């Protein structure tokens, strides 16, 4: 699937429903979390 240009996601099972949306983390969020810990 990775190497053959002729294969699209639907042919390799890669076109599955997307995973749940991930929380976006900005730098201030990471700094705040570490300061809290």
ModelCIF file with pLDDT and N, C-alpha, C, O atoms, coordinates in Angstrom:
data_MODEL
#
_entry.id   MODEL 
#
_entity.id                         1 
_entity.type                       polymer 
_entity.pdbx_number_of_molecules   1 
#
_entity_poly.entity_id                      1 
_entity_poly.type                           'polypeptide(L)' 
_entity_poly.nstd_linkage                   no 
_entity_poly.nstd_monomer                   no 
_entity_poly.pdbx_seq_one_letter_code       
;(UNK)(UNK)(UNK)(UNK)(UNK)(UNK)(UNK)(UNK)(UNK)(UNK)(UNK)(UNK)(UNK)(UNK)(UNK)(UNK)
(UNK)(UNK)(UNK)(UNK)(UNK)(UNK)(UNK)(UNK)(UNK)(UNK)(UNK)(UNK)(UNK)(UNK)(UNK)(UNK)
(UNK)(UNK)(UNK)(UNK)(UNK)
;
_entity_poly.pdbx_seq_one_letter_code_can   XXXXXXXXXXXXXXXXXXXXXXXXXXXXXXXXXXXXX 
_entity_poly.pdbx_strand_id                 A 
#
loop_
_entity_poly_seq.entity_id 
_entity_poly_seq.num 
_entity_poly_seq.mon_id 
_entity_poly_seq.hetero 
1 1  UNK n 
1 2  UNK n 
1 3  UNK n 
1 4  UNK n 
1 5  UNK n 
1 6  UNK n 
1 7  UNK n 
1 8  UNK n 
1 9  UNK n 
1 10 UNK n 
1 11 UNK n 
1 12 UNK n 
1 13 UNK n 
1 14 UNK n 
1 15 UNK n 
1 16 UNK n 
1 17 UNK n 
1 18 UNK n 
1 19 UNK n 
1 20 UNK n 
1 21 UNK n 
1 22 UNK n 
1 23 UNK n 
1 24 UNK n 
1 25 UNK n 
1 26 UNK n 
1 27 UNK n 
1 28 UNK n 
1 29 UNK n 
1 30 UNK n 
1 31 UNK n 
1 32 UNK n 
1 33 UNK n 
1 34 UNK n 
1 35 UNK n 
1 36 UNK n 
1 37 UNK n 
#
_struct_asym.id          A 
_struct_asym.entity_id   1 
#
loop_
_ma_qa_metric.id 
_ma_qa_metric.mode 
_ma_qa_metric.name 
_ma_qa_metric.software_group_id 
_ma_qa_metric.type 
1 global pLDDT . pLDDT 
2 local  pLDDT . pLDDT 
#
_ma_qa_metric_global.metric_id      1 
_ma_qa_metric_global.metric_value   71.22 
_ma_qa_metric_global.model_id       1 
_ma_qa_metric_global.ordinal_id     1 
#
loop_
_ma_qa_metric_local.label_asym_id 
_ma_qa_metric_local.label_comp_id 
_ma_qa_metric_local.label_seq_id 
_ma_qa_metric_local.metric_id 
_ma_qa_metric_local.metric_value 
_ma_qa_metric_local.model_id 
_ma_qa_metric_local.ordinal_id 
A UNK 1  2 83.00 1 1  
A UNK 2  2 86.00 1 2  
A UNK 3  2 84.00 1 3  
A UNK 4  2 80.00 1 4  
A UNK 5  2 69.00 1 5  
A UNK 6  2 65.00 1 6  
A UNK 7  2 61.00 1 7  
A UNK 8  2 62.00 1 8  
A UNK 9  2 59.00 1 9  
A UNK 10 2 55.00 1 10 
A UNK 11 2 53.00 1 11 
A UNK 12 2 52.00 1 12 
A UNK 13 2 49.00 1 13 
A UNK 14 2 51.00 1 14 
A UNK 15 2 48.00 1 15 
A UNK 16 2 45.00 1 16 
A UNK 17 2 43.00 1 17 
A UNK 18 2 44.00 1 18 
A UNK 19 2 47.00 1 19 
A UNK 20 2 52.00 1 20 
A UNK 21 2 57.00 1 21 
A UNK 22 2 66.00 1 22 
A UNK 23 2 72.00 1 23 
A UNK 24 2 77.00 1 24 
A UNK 25 2 81.00 1 25 
A UNK 26 2 86.00 1 26 
A UNK 27 2 88.00 1 27 
A UNK 28 2 90.00 1 28 
A UNK 29 2 90.00 1 29 
A UNK 30 2 91.00 1 30 
A UNK 31 2 93.00 1 31 
A UNK 32 2 92.00 1 32 
A UNK 33 2 92.00 1 33 
A UNK 34 2 94.00 1 34 
A UNK 35 2 93.00 1 35 
A UNK 36 2 92.00 1 36 
A UNK 37 2 93.00 1 37 
#
loop_
_atom_site.group_PDB 
_atom_site.id 
_atom_site.type_symbol 
_atom_site.label_atom_id 
_atom_site.label_alt_id 
_atom_site.label_comp_id 
_atom_site.label_asym_id 
_atom_site.label_entity_id 
_atom_site.label_seq_id 
_atom_site.pdbx_PDB_ins_code 
_atom_site.Cartn_x 
_atom_site.Cartn_y 
_atom_site.Cartn_z 
_atom_site.occupancy 
_atom_site.B_iso_or_equiv 
_atom_site.pdbx_formal_charge 
_atom_site.auth_seq_id 
_atom_site.auth_comp_id 
_atom_site.auth_asym_id 
_atom_site.auth_atom_id 
_atom_site.pdbx_PDB_model_num 
ATOM 1   N N  . UNK A 1 1  ? 0.837   -1.210 0.000  1.00 83.00 ? 1  UNK A N  1 
ATOM 2   C CA . UNK A 1 1  ? 0.000   0.000  0.000  1.00 83.00 ? 1  UNK A CA 1 
ATOM 3   C C  . UNK A 1 1  ? 0.868   1.255  0.000  1.00 83.00 ? 1  UNK A C  1 
ATOM 4   O O  . UNK A 1 1  ? 0.549   2.233  -0.675 1.00 83.00 ? 1  UNK A O  1 
ATOM 5   N N  . UNK A 1 2  ? 1.963   1.228  0.754  1.00 86.00 ? 2  UNK A N  1 
ATOM 6   C CA . UNK A 1 2  ? 2.828   2.406  0.839  1.00 86.00 ? 2  UNK A CA 1 
ATOM 7   C C  . UNK A 1 2  ? 3.604   2.649  -0.449 1.00 86.00 ? 2  UNK A C  1 
ATOM 8   O O  . UNK A 1 2  ? 3.810   3.793  -0.856 1.00 86.00 ? 2  UNK A O  1 
ATOM 9   N N  . UNK A 1 3  ? 4.033   1.557  -1.089 1.00 84.00 ? 3  UNK A N  1 
ATOM 10  C CA . UNK A 1 3  ? 4.970   1.688  -2.213 1.00 84.00 ? 3  UNK A CA 1 
ATOM 11  C C  . UNK A 1 3  ? 4.306   1.706  -3.581 1.00 84.00 ? 3  UNK A C  1 
ATOM 12  O O  . UNK A 1 3  ? 4.849   2.282  -4.523 1.00 84.00 ? 3  UNK A O  1 
ATOM 13  N N  . UNK A 1 4  ? 3.138   1.082  -3.702 1.00 80.00 ? 4  UNK A N  1 
ATOM 14  C CA . UNK A 1 4  ? 2.487   1.009  -5.013 1.00 80.00 ? 4  UNK A CA 1 
ATOM 15  C C  . UNK A 1 4  ? 1.578   2.216  -5.216 1.00 80.00 ? 4  UNK A C  1 
ATOM 16  O O  . UNK A 1 4  ? 0.603   2.394  -4.487 1.00 80.00 ? 4  UNK A O  1 
ATOM 17  N N  . UNK A 1 5  ? 1.895   3.032  -6.196 1.00 69.00 ? 5  UNK A N  1 
ATOM 18  C CA . UNK A 1 5  ? 1.100   4.229  -6.449 1.00 69.00 ? 5  UNK A CA 1 
ATOM 19  C C  . UNK A 1 5  ? -0.316  3.894  -6.878 1.00 69.00 ? 5  UNK A C  1 
ATOM 20  O O  . UNK A 1 5  ? -1.227  4.711  -6.746 1.00 69.00 ? 5  UNK A O  1 
ATOM 21  N N  . UNK A 1 6  ? -0.493  2.683  -7.392 1.00 65.00 ? 6  UNK A N  1 
ATOM 22  C CA . UNK A 1 6  ? -1.810  2.309  -7.916 1.00 65.00 ? 6  UNK A CA 1 
ATOM 23  C C  . UNK A 1 6  ? -2.805  1.984  -6.808 1.00 65.00 ? 6  UNK A C  1 
ATOM 24  O O  . UNK A 1 6  ? -4.008  1.928  -7.060 1.00 65.00 ? 6  UNK A O  1 
ATOM 25  N N  . UNK A 1 7  ? -2.315  1.766  -5.570 1.00 61.00 ? 7  UNK A N  1 
ATOM 26  C CA . UNK A 1 7  ? -3.209  1.394  -4.469 1.00 61.00 ? 7  UNK A CA 1 
ATOM 27  C C  . UNK A 1 7  ? -3.649  2.638  -3.710 1.00 61.00 ? 7  UNK A C  1 
ATOM 28  O O  . UNK A 1 7  ? -2.831  3.480  -3.339 1.00 61.00 ? 7  UNK A O  1 
ATOM 29  N N  . UNK A 1 8  ? -4.971  2.738  -3.485 1.00 62.00 ? 8  UNK A N  1 
ATOM 30  C CA . UNK A 1 8  ? -5.474  3.845  -2.671 1.00 62.00 ? 8  UNK A CA 1 
ATOM 31  C C  . UNK A 1 8  ? -5.890  3.299  -1.310 1.00 62.00 ? 8  UNK A C  1 
ATOM 32  O O  . UNK A 1 8  ? -5.893  2.082  -1.128 1.00 62.00 ? 8  UNK A O  1 
ATOM 33  N N  . UNK A 1 9  ? -6.237  4.142  -0.355 1.00 59.00 ? 9  UNK A N  1 
ATOM 34  C CA . UNK A 1 9  ? -6.544  3.683  0.999  1.00 59.00 ? 9  UNK A CA 1 
ATOM 35  C C  . UNK A 1 9  ? -7.633  2.637  1.078  1.00 59.00 ? 9  UNK A C  1 
ATOM 36  O O  . UNK A 1 9  ? -7.553  1.748  1.926  1.00 59.00 ? 9  UNK A O  1 
ATOM 37  N N  . UNK A 1 10 ? -8.637  2.702  0.241  1.00 55.00 ? 10 UNK A N  1 
ATOM 38  C CA . UNK A 1 10 ? -9.744  1.753  0.328  1.00 55.00 ? 10 UNK A CA 1 
ATOM 39  C C  . UNK A 1 10 ? -9.307  0.329  -0.003 1.00 55.00 ? 10 UNK A C  1 
ATOM 40  O O  . UNK A 1 10 ? -9.970  -0.629 0.397  1.00 55.00 ? 10 UNK A O  1 
ATOM 41  N N  . UNK A 1 11 ? -8.203  0.181  -0.725 1.00 53.00 ? 11 UNK A N  1 
ATOM 42  C CA . UNK A 1 11 ? -7.758  -1.149 -1.121 1.00 53.00 ? 11 UNK A CA 1 
ATOM 43  C C  . UNK A 1 11 ? -6.927  -1.841 -0.038 1.00 53.00 ? 11 UNK A C  1 
ATOM 44  O O  . UNK A 1 11 ? -6.648  -3.036 -0.139 1.00 53.00 ? 11 UNK A O  1 
ATOM 45  N N  . UNK A 1 12 ? -6.531  -1.095 1.000  1.00 52.00 ? 12 UNK A N  1 
ATOM 46  C CA . UNK A 1 12 ? -5.699  -1.700 2.033  1.00 52.00 ? 12 UNK A CA 1 
ATOM 47  C C  . UNK A 1 12 ? -6.330  -1.598 3.406  1.00 52.00 ? 12 UNK A C  1 
ATOM 48  O O  . UNK A 1 12 ? -5.682  -1.874 4.416  1.00 52.00 ? 12 UNK A O  1 
ATOM 49  N N  . UNK A 1 13 ? -7.579  -1.208 3.447  1.00 49.00 ? 13 UNK A N  1 
ATOM 50  C CA . UNK A 1 13 ? -8.241  -1.104 4.741  1.00 49.00 ? 13 UNK A CA 1 
ATOM 51  C C  . UNK A 1 13 ? -7.816  0.112  5.531  1.00 49.00 ? 13 UNK A C  1 
ATOM 52  O O  . UNK A 1 13 ? -8.166  0.250  6.703  1.00 49.00 ? 13 UNK A O  1 
ATOM 53  N N  . UNK A 1 14 ? -7.060  0.998  4.895  1.00 51.00 ? 14 UNK A N  1 
ATOM 54  C CA . UNK A 1 14 ? -6.599  2.173  5.628  1.00 51.00 ? 14 UNK A CA 1 
ATOM 55  C C  . UNK A 1 14 ? -7.667  3.254  5.708  1.00 51.00 ? 14 UNK A C  1 
ATOM 56  O O  . UNK A 1 14 ? -7.585  4.172  6.524  1.00 51.00 ? 14 UNK A O  1 
ATOM 57  N N  . UNK A 1 15 ? -8.677  3.127  4.837  1.00 48.00 ? 15 UNK A N  1 
ATOM 58  C CA . UNK A 1 15 ? -9.712  4.164  4.811  1.00 48.00 ? 15 UNK A CA 1 
ATOM 59  C C  . UNK A 1 15 ? -10.834 3.831  5.794  1.00 48.00 ? 15 UNK A C  1 
ATOM 60  O O  . UNK A 1 15 ? -12.005 3.763  5.421  1.00 48.00 ? 15 UNK A O  1 
ATOM 61  N N  . UNK A 1 16 ? -10.456 3.628  7.046  1.00 45.00 ? 16 UNK A N  1 
ATOM 62  C CA . UNK A 1 16 ? -11.422 3.324  8.088  1.00 45.00 ? 16 UNK A CA 1 
ATOM 63  C C  . UNK A 1 16 ? -11.873 4.626  8.722  1.00 45.00 ? 16 UNK A C  1 
ATOM 64  O O  . UNK A 1 16 ? -11.259 5.669  8.497  1.00 45.00 ? 16 UNK A O  1 
ATOM 65  N N  . UNK A 1 17 ? -12.956 4.581  9.526  1.00 43.00 ? 17 UNK A N  1 
ATOM 66  C CA . UNK A 1 17 ? -13.409 5.808  10.175 1.00 43.00 ? 17 UNK A CA 1 
ATOM 67  C C  . UNK A 1 17 ? -12.297 6.411  11.014 1.00 43.00 ? 17 UNK A C  1 
ATOM 68  O O  . UNK A 1 17 ? -11.559 5.698  11.694 1.00 43.00 ? 17 UNK A O  1 
ATOM 69  N N  . UNK A 1 18 ? -12.185 7.702  10.961 1.00 44.00 ? 18 UNK A N  1 
ATOM 70  C CA . UNK A 1 18 ? -11.120 8.371  11.704 1.00 44.00 ? 18 UNK A CA 1 
ATOM 71  C C  . UNK A 1 18 ? -11.291 8.172  13.200 1.00 44.00 ? 18 UNK A C  1 
ATOM 72  O O  . UNK A 1 18 ? -12.408 7.984  13.682 1.00 44.00 ? 18 UNK A O  1 
ATOM 73  N N  . UNK A 1 19 ? -10.195 8.213  13.930 1.00 47.00 ? 19 UNK A N  1 
ATOM 74  C CA . UNK A 1 19 ? -10.236 8.075  15.371 1.00 47.00 ? 19 UNK A CA 1 
ATOM 75  C C  . UNK A 1 19 ? -10.882 9.321  15.960 1.00 47.00 ? 19 UNK A C  1 
ATOM 76  O O  . UNK A 1 19 ? -11.039 10.325 15.266 1.00 47.00 ? 19 UNK A O  1 
ATOM 77  N N  . UNK A 1 20 ? -11.258 9.263  17.232 1.00 52.00 ? 20 UNK A N  1 
ATOM 78  C CA . UNK A 1 20 ? -11.869 10.393 17.895 1.00 52.00 ? 20 UNK A CA 1 
ATOM 79  C C  . UNK A 1 20 ? -10.929 11.597 17.835 1.00 52.00 ? 20 UNK A C  1 
ATOM 80  O O  . UNK A 1 20 ? -9.707  11.453 17.813 1.00 52.00 ? 20 UNK A O  1 
ATOM 81  N N  . UNK A 1 21 ? -11.529 12.783 17.809 1.00 57.00 ? 21 UNK A N  1 
ATOM 82  C CA . UNK A 1 21 ? -10.737 13.996 17.709 1.00 57.00 ? 21 UNK A CA 1 
ATOM 83  C C  . UNK A 1 21 ? -9.814  14.119 18.918 1.00 57.00 ? 21 UNK A C  1 
ATOM 84  O O  . UNK A 1 21 ? -10.210 13.844 20.051 1.00 57.00 ? 21 UNK A O  1 
ATOM 85  N N  . UNK A 1 22 ? -8.583  14.535 18.654 1.00 66.00 ? 22 UNK A N  1 
ATOM 86  C CA . UNK A 1 22 ? -7.603  14.668 19.718 1.00 66.00 ? 22 UNK A CA 1 
ATOM 87  C C  . UNK A 1 22 ? -7.616  16.089 20.275 1.00 66.00 ? 22 UNK A C  1 
ATOM 88  O O  . UNK A 1 22 ? -7.875  17.056 19.559 1.00 66.00 ? 22 UNK A O  1 
ATOM 89  N N  . UNK A 1 23 ? -7.329  16.186 21.569 1.00 72.00 ? 23 UNK A N  1 
ATOM 90  C CA . UNK A 1 23 ? -7.241  17.502 22.195 1.00 72.00 ? 23 UNK A CA 1 
ATOM 91  C C  . UNK A 1 23 ? -5.980  18.197 21.706 1.00 72.00 ? 23 UNK A C  1 
ATOM 92  O O  . UNK A 1 23 ? -4.903  17.602 21.680 1.00 72.00 ? 23 UNK A O  1 
ATOM 93  N N  . UNK A 1 24 ? -6.118  19.447 21.321 1.00 77.00 ? 24 UNK A N  1 
ATOM 94  C CA . UNK A 1 24 ? -4.973  20.215 20.855 1.00 77.00 ? 24 UNK A CA 1 
ATOM 95  C C  . UNK A 1 24 ? -4.263  20.846 22.049 1.00 77.00 ? 24 UNK A C  1 
ATOM 96  O O  . UNK A 1 24 ? -4.907  21.429 22.921 1.00 77.00 ? 24 UNK A O  1 
ATOM 97  N N  . UNK A 1 25 ? -2.951  20.729 22.087 1.00 81.00 ? 25 UNK A N  1 
ATOM 98  C CA . UNK A 1 25 ? -2.163  21.215 23.217 1.00 81.00 ? 25 UNK A CA 1 
ATOM 99  C C  . UNK A 1 25 ? -1.222  22.315 22.739 1.00 81.00 ? 25 UNK A C  1 
ATOM 100 O O  . UNK A 1 25 ? -0.357  22.074 21.897 1.00 81.00 ? 25 UNK A O  1 
ATOM 101 N N  . UNK A 1 26 ? -1.388  23.515 23.274 1.00 86.00 ? 26 UNK A N  1 
ATOM 102 C CA . UNK A 1 26 ? -0.504  24.632 22.976 1.00 86.00 ? 26 UNK A CA 1 
ATOM 103 C C  . UNK A 1 26 ? 0.617   24.667 24.009 1.00 86.00 ? 26 UNK A C  1 
ATOM 104 O O  . UNK A 1 26 ? 0.559   23.963 25.017 1.00 86.00 ? 26 UNK A O  1 
ATOM 105 N N  . UNK A 1 27 ? 1.621   25.474 23.760 1.00 88.00 ? 27 UNK A N  1 
ATOM 106 C CA . UNK A 1 27 ? 2.777   25.545 24.657 1.00 88.00 ? 27 UNK A CA 1 
ATOM 107 C C  . UNK A 1 27 ? 2.375   26.020 26.051 1.00 88.00 ? 27 UNK A C  1 
ATOM 108 O O  . UNK A 1 27 ? 2.894   25.523 27.050 1.00 88.00 ? 27 UNK A O  1 
ATOM 109 N N  . UNK A 1 28 ? 1.451   26.985 26.120 1.00 90.00 ? 28 UNK A N  1 
ATOM 110 C CA . UNK A 1 28 ? 1.031   27.473 27.433 1.00 90.00 ? 28 UNK A CA 1 
ATOM 111 C C  . UNK A 1 28 ? 0.287   26.395 28.219 1.00 90.00 ? 28 UNK A C  1 
ATOM 112 O O  . UNK A 1 28 ? 0.354   26.369 29.448 1.00 90.00 ? 28 UNK A O  1 
ATOM 113 N N  . UNK A 1 29 ? -0.426  25.501 27.517 1.00 90.00 ? 29 UNK A N  1 
ATOM 114 C CA . UNK A 1 29 ? -1.102  24.388 28.181 1.00 90.00 ? 29 UNK A CA 1 
ATOM 115 C C  . UNK A 1 29 ? -0.084  23.436 28.798 1.00 90.00 ? 29 UNK A C  1 
ATOM 116 O O  . UNK A 1 29 ? -0.231  23.008 29.944 1.00 90.00 ? 29 UNK A O  1 
ATOM 117 N N  . UNK A 1 30 ? 0.953   23.108 28.023 1.00 91.00 ? 30 UNK A N  1 
ATOM 118 C CA . UNK A 1 30 ? 1.982   22.193 28.513 1.00 91.00 ? 30 UNK A CA 1 
ATOM 119 C C  . UNK A 1 30 ? 2.737   22.798 29.693 1.00 91.00 ? 30 UNK A C  1 
ATOM 120 O O  . UNK A 1 30 ? 3.008   22.107 30.675 1.00 91.00 ? 30 UNK A O  1 
ATOM 121 N N  . UNK A 1 31 ? 3.076   24.078 29.603 1.00 93.00 ? 31 UNK A N  1 
ATOM 122 C CA . UNK A 1 31 ? 3.779   24.739 30.706 1.00 93.00 ? 31 UNK A CA 1 
ATOM 123 C C  . UNK A 1 31 ? 2.908   24.793 31.954 1.00 93.00 ? 31 UNK A C  1 
ATOM 124 O O  . UNK A 1 31 ? 3.387   24.545 33.061 1.00 93.00 ? 31 UNK A O  1 
ATOM 125 N N  . UNK A 1 32 ? 1.637   25.116 31.778 1.00 92.00 ? 32 UNK A N  1 
ATOM 126 C CA . UNK A 1 32 ? 0.716   25.170 32.916 1.00 92.00 ? 32 UNK A CA 1 
ATOM 127 C C  . UNK A 1 32 ? 0.570   23.817 33.591 1.00 92.00 ? 32 UNK A C  1 
ATOM 128 O O  . UNK A 1 32 ? 0.524   23.726 34.818 1.00 92.00 ? 32 UNK A O  1 
ATOM 129 N N  . UNK A 1 33 ? 0.499   22.776 32.790 1.00 92.00 ? 33 UNK A N  1 
ATOM 130 C CA . UNK A 1 33 ? 0.359   21.427 33.334 1.00 92.00 ? 33 UNK A CA 1 
ATOM 131 C C  . UNK A 1 33 ? 1.595   21.028 34.134 1.00 92.00 ? 33 UNK A C  1 
ATOM 132 O O  . UNK A 1 33 ? 1.473   20.475 35.227 1.00 92.00 ? 33 UNK A O  1 
ATOM 133 N N  . UNK A 1 34 ? 2.779   21.304 33.599 1.00 94.00 ? 34 UNK A N  1 
ATOM 134 C CA . UNK A 1 34 ? 4.013   20.946 34.301 1.00 94.00 ? 34 UNK A CA 1 
ATOM 135 C C  . UNK A 1 34 ? 4.183   21.780 35.570 1.00 94.00 ? 34 UNK A C  1 
ATOM 136 O O  . UNK A 1 34 ? 4.666   21.267 36.580 1.00 94.00 ? 34 UNK A O  1 
ATOM 137 N N  . UNK A 1 35 ? 3.799   23.044 35.538 1.00 93.00 ? 35 UNK A N  1 
ATOM 138 C CA . UNK A 1 35 ? 3.864   23.875 36.748 1.00 93.00 ? 35 UNK A CA 1 
ATOM 139 C C  . UNK A 1 35 ? 2.907   23.352 37.815 1.00 93.00 ? 35 UNK A C  1 
ATOM 140 O O  . UNK A 1 35 ? 3.223   23.361 39.005 1.00 93.00 ? 35 UNK A O  1 
ATOM 141 N N  . UNK A 1 36 ? 1.738   22.899 37.378 1.00 92.00 ? 36 UNK A N  1 
ATOM 142 C CA . UNK A 1 36 ? 0.772   22.310 38.316 1.00 92.00 ? 36 UNK A CA 1 
ATOM 143 C C  . UNK A 1 36 ? 1.341   21.052 38.964 1.00 92.00 ? 36 UNK A C  1 
ATOM 144 O O  . UNK A 1 36 ? 1.211   20.861 40.173 1.00 92.00 ? 36 UNK A O  1 
ATOM 145 N N  . UNK A 1 37 ? 1.975   20.191 38.159 1.00 93.00 ? 37 UNK A N  1 
ATOM 146 C CA . UNK A 1 37 ? 2.547   18.950 38.702 1.00 93.00 ? 37 UNK A CA 1 
ATOM 147 C C  . UNK A 1 37 ? 3.723   19.247 39.637 1.00 93.00 ? 37 UNK A C  1 
ATOM 148 O O  . UNK A 1 37 ? 4.325   18.322 40.184 1.00 93.00 ? 37 UNK A O  1 
#
